[in-house]
Amino acid sequence: MKITTAQDAAQHIKSGDRVFIQGAAMTPQVLVNALCARHTELSDVELISIHTEGEAPYVEDECNSSFRVNSLFVGANVRKAINGSTGSYTPIFLSEIHLLFRREVLTLDVAFIHVSPPDHHGYCSLGVSVDITIPAIEKAKLVIAQINPQVPRSHGDGIIHIKNIDYAVEIDEPIFSHEATVPSPIESQIGKHVAGLIEDGATLQMGIGNIPNAVLHNLTNHRRLGIHTEMFSDGVLPLIESGVITGEEKKVETGKILTCFAVGSRKLYDFIDDNPLVHFKEAAFTNDTTIIRQNPKVTAINSAIEIDLSGQICADSFGNYQFSGVGGQMDFIRGASLSEGGKPIFAFPSTTGKGISKIVGR
């Protein structure tokens, strides 16, 4: 591993390269910015990621001929590009993305990652976004890392030795955080109703947002709950502290909170730091239906954009307008339906904020 500057590290990217960018709270913004500063020197560079946080300067008009976005999940910062002419969306289950890399369906020239400083054995942590980063590191011809002391050292699969990093840029700045907002009265009512469907001893999967937080807020009288999810946020912390979440009835990683990424506040990241209670695994493991179903009473709580009168659900687009993506929703809906006593649940208001019905004819 060679320590360098972000500007010098970005010089290793060539026109026509395919570059993987680690996502969520671990988006390596310094490296991204340094790469985009070279937009006049580059052309046809493909940037591939799941969902990045922060700014995405590579989708600005001045970068149109330099960078192409290939997103495996559509976030707000690239949504316009994906639905325009400067980006593309690859629909795929989160559990199967690793196969794109490991089978070299998508060959990777460079991987941009964000890690903690190495320990005295030379091992860095991928922090709170392990998901598909490991297979990207395995297959990329060149690995460039941001090393940041503000990255929490997570337990589980997200450990990488410095010998697997070619160039590193040392920074010291906060990783991306997300502060929870207060659920609306309707969201609170939905949360209360969904909480009533959750049994003691259930294994939970839920994401980030007001409805998941409202559900968690109403679980204070439950017992022996477990977490096996693709991501989690601050809402679980009070339930861990109060002993509601113990994981004692889980069959996979009994007693552990199992996830592949997390997004939340600094309090959440401090909780995760060097905490053996929380295990970060590859998405290929956390989202594997055959593994999910081994847990008892898997209760998968997800949202949707609309539902028709036959029960068909749309969760990722408005007609041809791509809003989000496949992600891990189907992995967990399927896993919950196959789990003994499992319950796949979709929870969302019946109307939009403008009063338009989310229940449609077809």
Protein backbone atom coordinates (compact mmCIF):
# COMPACT_ATOMS: atom_id res chain seq x y z
CA MET A 1 0.00 0.00 0.00
CA LYS A 2 1.34 3.39 -1.01
CA ILE A 3 0.15 6.58 0.70
CA THR A 4 -0.60 9.32 -1.80
CA THR A 5 -2.85 12.31 -2.41
CA ALA A 6 -6.36 12.10 -3.80
CA GLN A 7 -5.24 14.01 -6.88
CA ASP A 8 -2.39 11.60 -7.58
CA ALA A 9 -4.60 8.58 -6.87
CA ALA A 10 -7.14 9.80 -9.41
CA GLN A 11 -4.41 9.86 -12.07
CA HIS A 12 -4.56 6.06 -12.19
CA ILE A 13 -8.00 6.10 -13.82
CA LYS A 14 -7.92 5.96 -17.62
CA SER A 15 -10.54 6.67 -20.26
CA GLY A 16 -12.74 3.61 -20.76
CA ASP A 17 -12.19 2.26 -17.23
CA ARG A 18 -14.98 0.81 -15.11
CA VAL A 19 -14.75 2.11 -11.52
CA PHE A 20 -16.62 0.67 -8.55
CA ILE A 21 -17.60 3.14 -5.82
CA GLN A 22 -18.37 1.88 -2.31
CA GLY A 23 -21.73 3.23 -1.22
CA ALA A 24 -24.11 4.38 1.48
CA ALA A 25 -22.43 6.06 4.48
CA MET A 26 -19.01 4.89 3.26
CA THR A 27 -19.11 6.75 -0.07
CA PRO A 28 -15.46 7.82 -0.67
CA GLN A 29 -16.32 11.43 -1.48
CA VAL A 30 -12.74 12.74 -1.52
CA LEU A 31 -11.75 10.21 -4.18
CA VAL A 32 -14.93 10.84 -6.17
CA ASN A 33 -14.28 14.59 -6.17
CA ALA A 34 -10.66 14.12 -7.23
CA LEU A 35 -11.75 11.90 -10.10
CA CYS A 36 -14.40 14.35 -11.26
CA ALA A 37 -11.84 17.16 -11.22
CA ARG A 38 -10.21 15.31 -14.14
CA HIS A 39 -13.37 15.29 -16.26
CA THR A 40 -11.75 17.27 -19.09
CA GLU A 41 -9.00 14.64 -19.37
CA LEU A 42 -11.24 11.55 -19.39
CA SER A 43 -13.94 10.00 -21.52
CA ASP A 44 -16.26 7.00 -21.27
CA VAL A 45 -15.43 6.13 -17.65
CA GLU A 46 -18.18 3.91 -16.22
CA LEU A 47 -18.99 4.42 -12.53
CA ILE A 48 -20.80 1.51 -10.89
CA SER A 49 -22.32 1.48 -7.42
CA ILE A 50 -25.42 0.52 -5.47
CA HIS A 51 -26.42 3.73 -3.75
CA THR A 52 -24.07 6.55 -2.86
CA GLU A 53 -24.61 9.33 -0.35
CA GLY A 54 -23.57 12.93 -0.73
CA GLU A 55 -22.84 14.80 -3.92
CA ALA A 56 -22.52 13.06 -7.27
CA PRO A 57 -20.58 15.59 -9.38
CA TYR A 58 -20.13 13.01 -12.15
CA VAL A 59 -23.77 13.51 -13.22
CA GLU A 60 -23.37 17.25 -13.78
CA ASP A 61 -23.73 18.45 -17.38
CA GLU A 62 -20.03 19.28 -17.69
CA CYS A 63 -19.20 15.61 -17.03
CA ASN A 64 -21.60 14.07 -19.56
CA SER A 65 -18.91 12.97 -22.00
CA SER A 66 -16.51 11.91 -19.26
CA PHE A 67 -18.55 9.61 -17.00
CA ARG A 68 -21.41 7.16 -17.39
CA VAL A 69 -23.35 6.05 -14.33
CA ASN A 70 -24.39 2.41 -14.03
CA SER A 71 -26.43 2.24 -10.86
CA LEU A 72 -27.54 -1.01 -9.23
CA PHE A 73 -30.04 0.95 -7.10
CA VAL A 74 -31.27 4.46 -7.79
CA GLY A 75 -30.76 7.15 -5.17
CA ALA A 76 -31.78 10.79 -5.20
CA ASN A 77 -28.34 12.04 -6.27
CA VAL A 78 -28.36 10.10 -9.57
CA ARG A 79 -32.10 9.77 -10.23
CA LYS A 80 -32.19 12.52 -12.85
CA ALA A 81 -29.26 11.02 -14.76
CA ILE A 82 -30.71 7.51 -14.66
CA ASN A 83 -34.01 8.72 -16.05
CA GLY A 84 -32.25 10.91 -18.60
CA SER A 85 -29.59 10.02 -21.13
CA THR A 86 -26.41 10.00 -19.04
CA GLY A 87 -26.97 7.01 -16.80
CA SER A 88 -28.35 3.49 -16.70
CA TYR A 89 -29.92 1.24 -14.10
CA THR A 90 -29.19 -2.48 -13.87
CA PRO A 91 -32.10 -4.28 -12.16
CA ILE A 92 -30.79 -7.11 -9.99
CA PHE A 93 -31.42 -8.65 -6.58
CA LEU A 94 -28.97 -7.37 -3.98
CA SER A 95 -28.15 -11.00 -3.13
CA GLU A 96 -26.91 -11.61 -6.68
CA ILE A 97 -24.82 -8.51 -7.38
CA HIS A 98 -21.65 -10.24 -6.22
CA LEU A 99 -22.03 -12.64 -9.15
CA LEU A 100 -21.69 -9.77 -11.62
CA PHE A 101 -18.18 -9.23 -10.26
CA ARG A 102 -17.07 -12.74 -9.34
CA ARG A 103 -18.20 -14.19 -12.66
CA GLU A 104 -16.73 -11.14 -14.41
CA VAL A 105 -19.96 -10.23 -16.13
CA LEU A 106 -18.84 -6.74 -15.18
CA THR A 107 -15.05 -6.56 -15.01
CA LEU A 108 -13.71 -3.89 -12.66
CA ASP A 109 -10.63 -1.85 -13.41
CA VAL A 110 -10.62 0.17 -10.18
CA ALA A 111 -12.39 0.06 -6.82
CA PHE A 112 -12.79 3.18 -4.68
CA ILE A 113 -13.29 2.24 -1.03
CA HIS A 114 -13.40 3.93 2.40
CA VAL A 115 -11.79 2.24 5.39
CA SER A 116 -10.60 2.68 8.95
CA PRO A 117 -6.88 2.98 9.72
CA PRO A 118 -5.14 -0.40 9.93
CA ASP A 119 -4.71 -2.09 13.29
CA HIS A 120 -1.30 -3.32 14.44
CA HIS A 121 -1.76 -6.42 12.27
CA GLY A 122 -2.39 -4.32 9.16
CA TYR A 123 -6.14 -4.90 8.92
CA CYS A 124 -8.59 -2.12 8.01
CA SER A 125 -12.36 -2.18 8.40
CA LEU A 126 -14.87 -1.39 5.65
CA GLY A 127 -16.94 0.33 8.30
CA VAL A 128 -20.71 0.30 7.88
CA SER A 129 -20.98 -0.69 4.21
CA VAL A 130 -19.79 -4.24 3.54
CA ASP A 131 -22.64 -5.33 1.18
CA ILE A 132 -21.00 -5.82 -2.26
CA THR A 133 -17.65 -4.19 -1.51
CA ILE A 134 -15.73 -7.40 -0.81
CA PRO A 135 -16.30 -9.00 -4.24
CA ALA A 136 -15.45 -5.64 -5.83
CA ILE A 137 -12.13 -5.58 -3.96
CA GLU A 138 -11.45 -9.20 -4.91
CA LYS A 139 -11.90 -8.61 -8.63
CA ALA A 140 -10.75 -5.02 -9.21
CA LYS A 141 -7.36 -4.67 -10.88
CA LEU A 142 -6.57 -1.64 -8.70
CA VAL A 143 -7.90 -0.77 -5.22
CA ILE A 144 -7.72 2.83 -3.99
CA ALA A 145 -8.83 3.62 -0.44
CA GLN A 146 -9.67 6.60 1.71
CA ILE A 147 -8.29 5.89 5.19
CA ASN A 148 -10.28 7.72 7.83
CA PRO A 149 -10.07 7.46 11.65
CA GLN A 150 -13.77 8.40 11.85
CA VAL A 151 -14.78 5.13 10.18
CA PRO A 152 -16.14 2.71 12.82
CA ARG A 153 -14.39 -0.65 12.99
CA SER A 154 -17.15 -3.17 12.45
CA HIS A 155 -17.06 -6.88 13.22
CA GLY A 156 -17.80 -9.56 10.64
CA ASP A 157 -16.69 -9.91 7.02
CA GLY A 158 -15.63 -6.32 6.37
CA ILE A 159 -11.93 -6.68 7.12
CA ILE A 160 -9.27 -5.97 4.50
CA HIS A 161 -5.48 -6.15 4.86
CA ILE A 162 -3.35 -3.28 3.61
CA LYS A 163 -1.64 -5.66 1.18
CA ASN A 164 -4.94 -5.68 -0.75
CA ILE A 165 -4.92 -1.89 -1.10
CA ASP A 166 -2.74 -0.42 -3.84
CA TYR A 167 -3.01 3.29 -3.01
CA ALA A 168 -4.39 5.05 0.05
CA VAL A 169 -5.37 8.63 0.78
CA GLU A 170 -5.41 9.69 4.42
CA ILE A 171 -8.31 11.91 5.49
CA ASP A 172 -10.03 12.80 8.76
CA GLU A 173 -13.66 13.81 8.35
CA PRO A 174 -17.11 12.56 9.39
CA ILE A 175 -18.74 9.84 7.34
CA PHE A 176 -22.23 10.47 6.00
CA SER A 177 -24.94 10.42 8.63
CA HIS A 178 -28.73 10.44 8.66
CA GLU A 179 -30.79 11.94 11.45
CA ALA A 180 -34.25 10.45 11.96
CA THR A 181 -37.31 12.66 11.53
CA VAL A 182 -40.52 12.50 13.53
CA PRO A 183 -43.16 10.19 11.98
CA SER A 184 -46.43 11.81 10.92
CA PRO A 185 -49.68 10.82 12.71
CA ILE A 186 -50.51 8.49 9.81
CA GLU A 187 -47.06 6.89 9.88
CA SER A 188 -47.32 6.47 13.65
CA GLN A 189 -50.67 4.72 13.26
CA ILE A 190 -49.23 2.42 10.60
CA GLY A 191 -46.32 1.65 12.91
CA LYS A 192 -48.67 0.74 15.75
CA HIS A 193 -50.72 -1.53 13.49
CA VAL A 194 -47.67 -3.32 12.08
CA ALA A 195 -46.16 -3.76 15.55
CA GLY A 196 -49.31 -5.65 16.50
CA LEU A 197 -48.53 -8.21 13.78
CA ILE A 198 -45.05 -8.95 15.15
CA GLU A 199 -44.76 -11.90 17.51
CA ASP A 200 -42.36 -12.40 20.40
CA GLY A 201 -39.27 -14.25 19.20
CA ALA A 202 -39.58 -12.89 15.66
CA THR A 203 -36.60 -12.10 13.45
CA LEU A 204 -36.97 -8.63 11.96
CA GLN A 205 -35.96 -7.06 8.67
CA MET A 206 -36.74 -3.42 8.08
CA GLY A 207 -35.03 -0.45 6.55
CA ILE A 208 -34.65 3.23 7.26
CA GLY A 209 -37.41 5.80 7.40
CA ASN A 210 -40.36 7.03 9.42
CA ILE A 211 -42.52 3.91 9.15
CA PRO A 212 -39.77 1.47 10.27
CA ASN A 213 -38.97 3.85 13.14
CA ALA A 214 -42.66 4.04 14.06
CA VAL A 215 -42.85 0.24 14.11
CA LEU A 216 -39.77 -0.04 16.33
CA HIS A 217 -41.16 2.62 18.68
CA ASN A 218 -44.16 0.36 19.30
CA LEU A 219 -42.19 -2.79 20.14
CA THR A 220 -41.21 -1.87 23.69
CA ASN A 221 -43.39 -4.62 25.20
CA HIS A 222 -42.14 -7.36 22.89
CA ARG A 223 -39.60 -10.00 23.91
CA ARG A 224 -36.72 -11.96 22.41
CA LEU A 225 -36.69 -10.21 19.04
CA GLY A 226 -33.82 -10.69 16.62
CA ILE A 227 -32.39 -8.71 13.71
CA HIS A 228 -31.38 -10.25 10.37
CA THR A 229 -31.57 -7.48 7.81
CA GLU A 230 -29.74 -5.89 4.90
CA MET A 231 -29.54 -2.56 6.74
CA PHE A 232 -30.52 -0.93 10.00
CA SER A 233 -30.51 2.47 11.64
CA ASP A 234 -30.91 4.21 15.00
CA GLY A 235 -34.40 2.89 15.67
CA VAL A 236 -33.09 -0.41 17.03
CA LEU A 237 -30.84 1.15 19.69
CA PRO A 238 -33.49 1.72 22.41
CA LEU A 239 -34.75 -1.85 21.93
CA ILE A 240 -31.25 -3.25 22.34
CA GLU A 241 -30.66 -1.16 25.45
CA SER A 242 -33.98 -2.26 26.99
CA GLY A 243 -33.43 -5.95 26.25
CA VAL A 244 -36.25 -6.31 23.72
CA ILE A 245 -33.78 -7.28 21.00
CA THR A 246 -31.70 -10.26 22.15
CA GLY A 247 -31.47 -12.47 19.06
CA GLU A 248 -31.69 -15.53 21.29
CA GLU A 249 -34.20 -17.36 19.08
CA LYS A 250 -32.41 -16.72 15.78
CA LYS A 251 -30.88 -19.75 14.10
CA VAL A 252 -28.34 -17.80 12.03
CA GLU A 253 -25.74 -15.88 14.05
CA THR A 254 -27.70 -16.46 17.25
CA GLY A 255 -27.55 -13.47 19.58
CA LYS A 256 -26.03 -11.21 16.93
CA ILE A 257 -27.45 -8.34 14.89
CA LEU A 258 -26.79 -9.38 11.31
CA THR A 259 -26.63 -6.79 8.53
CA CYS A 260 -24.64 -5.81 5.45
CA PHE A 261 -24.79 -2.03 5.84
CA ALA A 262 -26.04 0.68 8.18
CA VAL A 263 -26.94 4.34 7.83
CA GLY A 264 -27.75 6.58 10.77
CA SER A 265 -26.41 9.06 13.27
CA ARG A 266 -22.98 9.30 14.84
CA LYS A 267 -24.53 7.64 17.90
CA LEU A 268 -25.28 4.59 15.78
CA TYR A 269 -21.76 4.50 14.37
CA ASP A 270 -20.27 4.77 17.85
CA PHE A 271 -22.48 1.86 18.92
CA ILE A 272 -21.20 -0.23 16.00
CA ASP A 273 -17.53 0.63 16.58
CA ASP A 274 -15.69 -2.48 17.83
CA ASN A 275 -19.00 -4.00 18.97
CA PRO A 276 -19.05 -7.81 18.59
CA LEU A 277 -22.85 -7.75 18.96
CA VAL A 278 -23.15 -6.44 15.39
CA HIS A 279 -21.93 -8.56 12.49
CA PHE A 280 -21.56 -7.07 9.02
CA LYS A 281 -21.65 -9.70 6.29
CA GLU A 282 -21.67 -9.67 2.52
CA ALA A 283 -25.07 -9.11 0.92
CA ALA A 284 -24.56 -12.50 -0.71
CA PHE A 285 -25.00 -13.93 2.80
CA THR A 286 -27.45 -11.59 4.54
CA ASN A 287 -29.83 -11.58 1.57
CA ASP A 288 -29.60 -15.25 0.66
CA THR A 289 -33.16 -16.57 0.84
CA THR A 290 -31.97 -20.04 1.89
CA ILE A 291 -30.22 -18.46 4.89
CA ILE A 292 -32.96 -15.97 5.79
CA ARG A 293 -35.60 -18.71 5.94
CA GLN A 294 -33.65 -20.64 8.60
CA ASN A 295 -34.63 -18.03 11.19
CA PRO A 296 -37.99 -18.33 12.98
CA LYS A 297 -40.89 -15.95 12.35
CA VAL A 298 -38.99 -13.78 9.88
CA THR A 299 -41.02 -10.58 9.67
CA ALA A 300 -39.95 -8.50 6.68
CA ILE A 301 -41.38 -4.98 6.73
CA ASN A 302 -41.06 -3.05 3.49
CA SER A 303 -42.66 -0.14 1.72
CA ALA A 304 -44.05 0.38 -1.77
CA ILE A 305 -45.08 3.10 -4.21
CA GLU A 306 -48.48 1.66 -5.09
CA ILE A 307 -50.64 -1.47 -5.09
CA ASP A 308 -53.37 -2.54 -7.49
CA LEU A 309 -56.69 -4.18 -6.72
CA SER A 310 -55.32 -7.65 -7.47
CA GLY A 311 -52.55 -7.22 -4.88
CA GLN A 312 -49.69 -6.55 -7.29
CA ILE A 313 -47.18 -4.17 -5.74
CA CYS A 314 -44.87 -1.66 -7.41
CA ALA A 315 -42.00 -0.60 -5.18
CA ASP A 316 -39.38 0.91 -7.47
CA SER A 317 -40.88 3.08 -10.22
CA PHE A 318 -43.61 5.44 -11.34
CA GLY A 319 -44.44 3.94 -14.71
CA ASN A 320 -41.23 4.29 -16.72
CA TYR A 321 -39.66 6.67 -14.20
CA GLN A 322 -37.12 4.73 -12.14
CA PHE A 323 -37.35 5.91 -8.53
CA SER A 324 -35.30 3.35 -6.59
CA GLY A 325 -34.56 -0.25 -7.53
CA VAL A 326 -34.96 -3.94 -6.81
CA GLY A 327 -32.51 -3.89 -3.91
CA GLY A 328 -33.02 -6.58 -1.30
CA GLN A 329 -36.78 -6.35 -0.96
CA MET A 330 -37.58 -9.52 -2.89
CA ASP A 331 -34.81 -11.42 -1.10
CA PHE A 332 -36.47 -10.78 2.24
CA ILE A 333 -40.08 -11.02 1.12
CA ARG A 334 -39.29 -14.46 -0.26
CA GLY A 335 -37.22 -15.41 2.79
CA ALA A 336 -39.99 -14.36 5.18
CA SER A 337 -42.63 -16.29 3.25
CA LEU A 338 -40.50 -19.45 3.49
CA SER A 339 -39.62 -18.98 7.17
CA GLU A 340 -41.61 -20.98 9.71
CA GLY A 341 -44.18 -18.50 11.04
CA GLY A 342 -42.78 -15.78 8.78
CA LYS A 343 -44.69 -12.70 7.65
CA PRO A 344 -43.82 -10.53 4.66
CA ILE A 345 -45.45 -7.14 5.28
CA PHE A 346 -45.81 -4.07 3.08
CA ALA A 347 -46.53 -0.92 5.06
CA PHE A 348 -47.30 2.44 3.44
CA PRO A 349 -50.00 5.14 3.51
CA SER A 350 -52.97 4.70 1.19
CA THR A 351 -52.45 8.14 -0.36
CA THR A 352 -49.57 10.42 -1.29
CA GLY A 353 -48.92 13.69 0.52
CA LYS A 354 -51.07 15.35 -2.15
CA GLY A 355 -53.98 13.03 -1.50
CA ILE A 356 -53.51 10.85 -4.60
CA SER A 357 -54.45 7.22 -4.01
CA LYS A 358 -51.69 4.62 -3.94
CA ILE A 359 -54.32 1.95 -4.57
CA VAL A 360 -54.81 1.73 -8.32
CA GLY A 361 -56.90 -0.31 -10.72
CA ARG A 362 -53.96 -1.94 -12.47
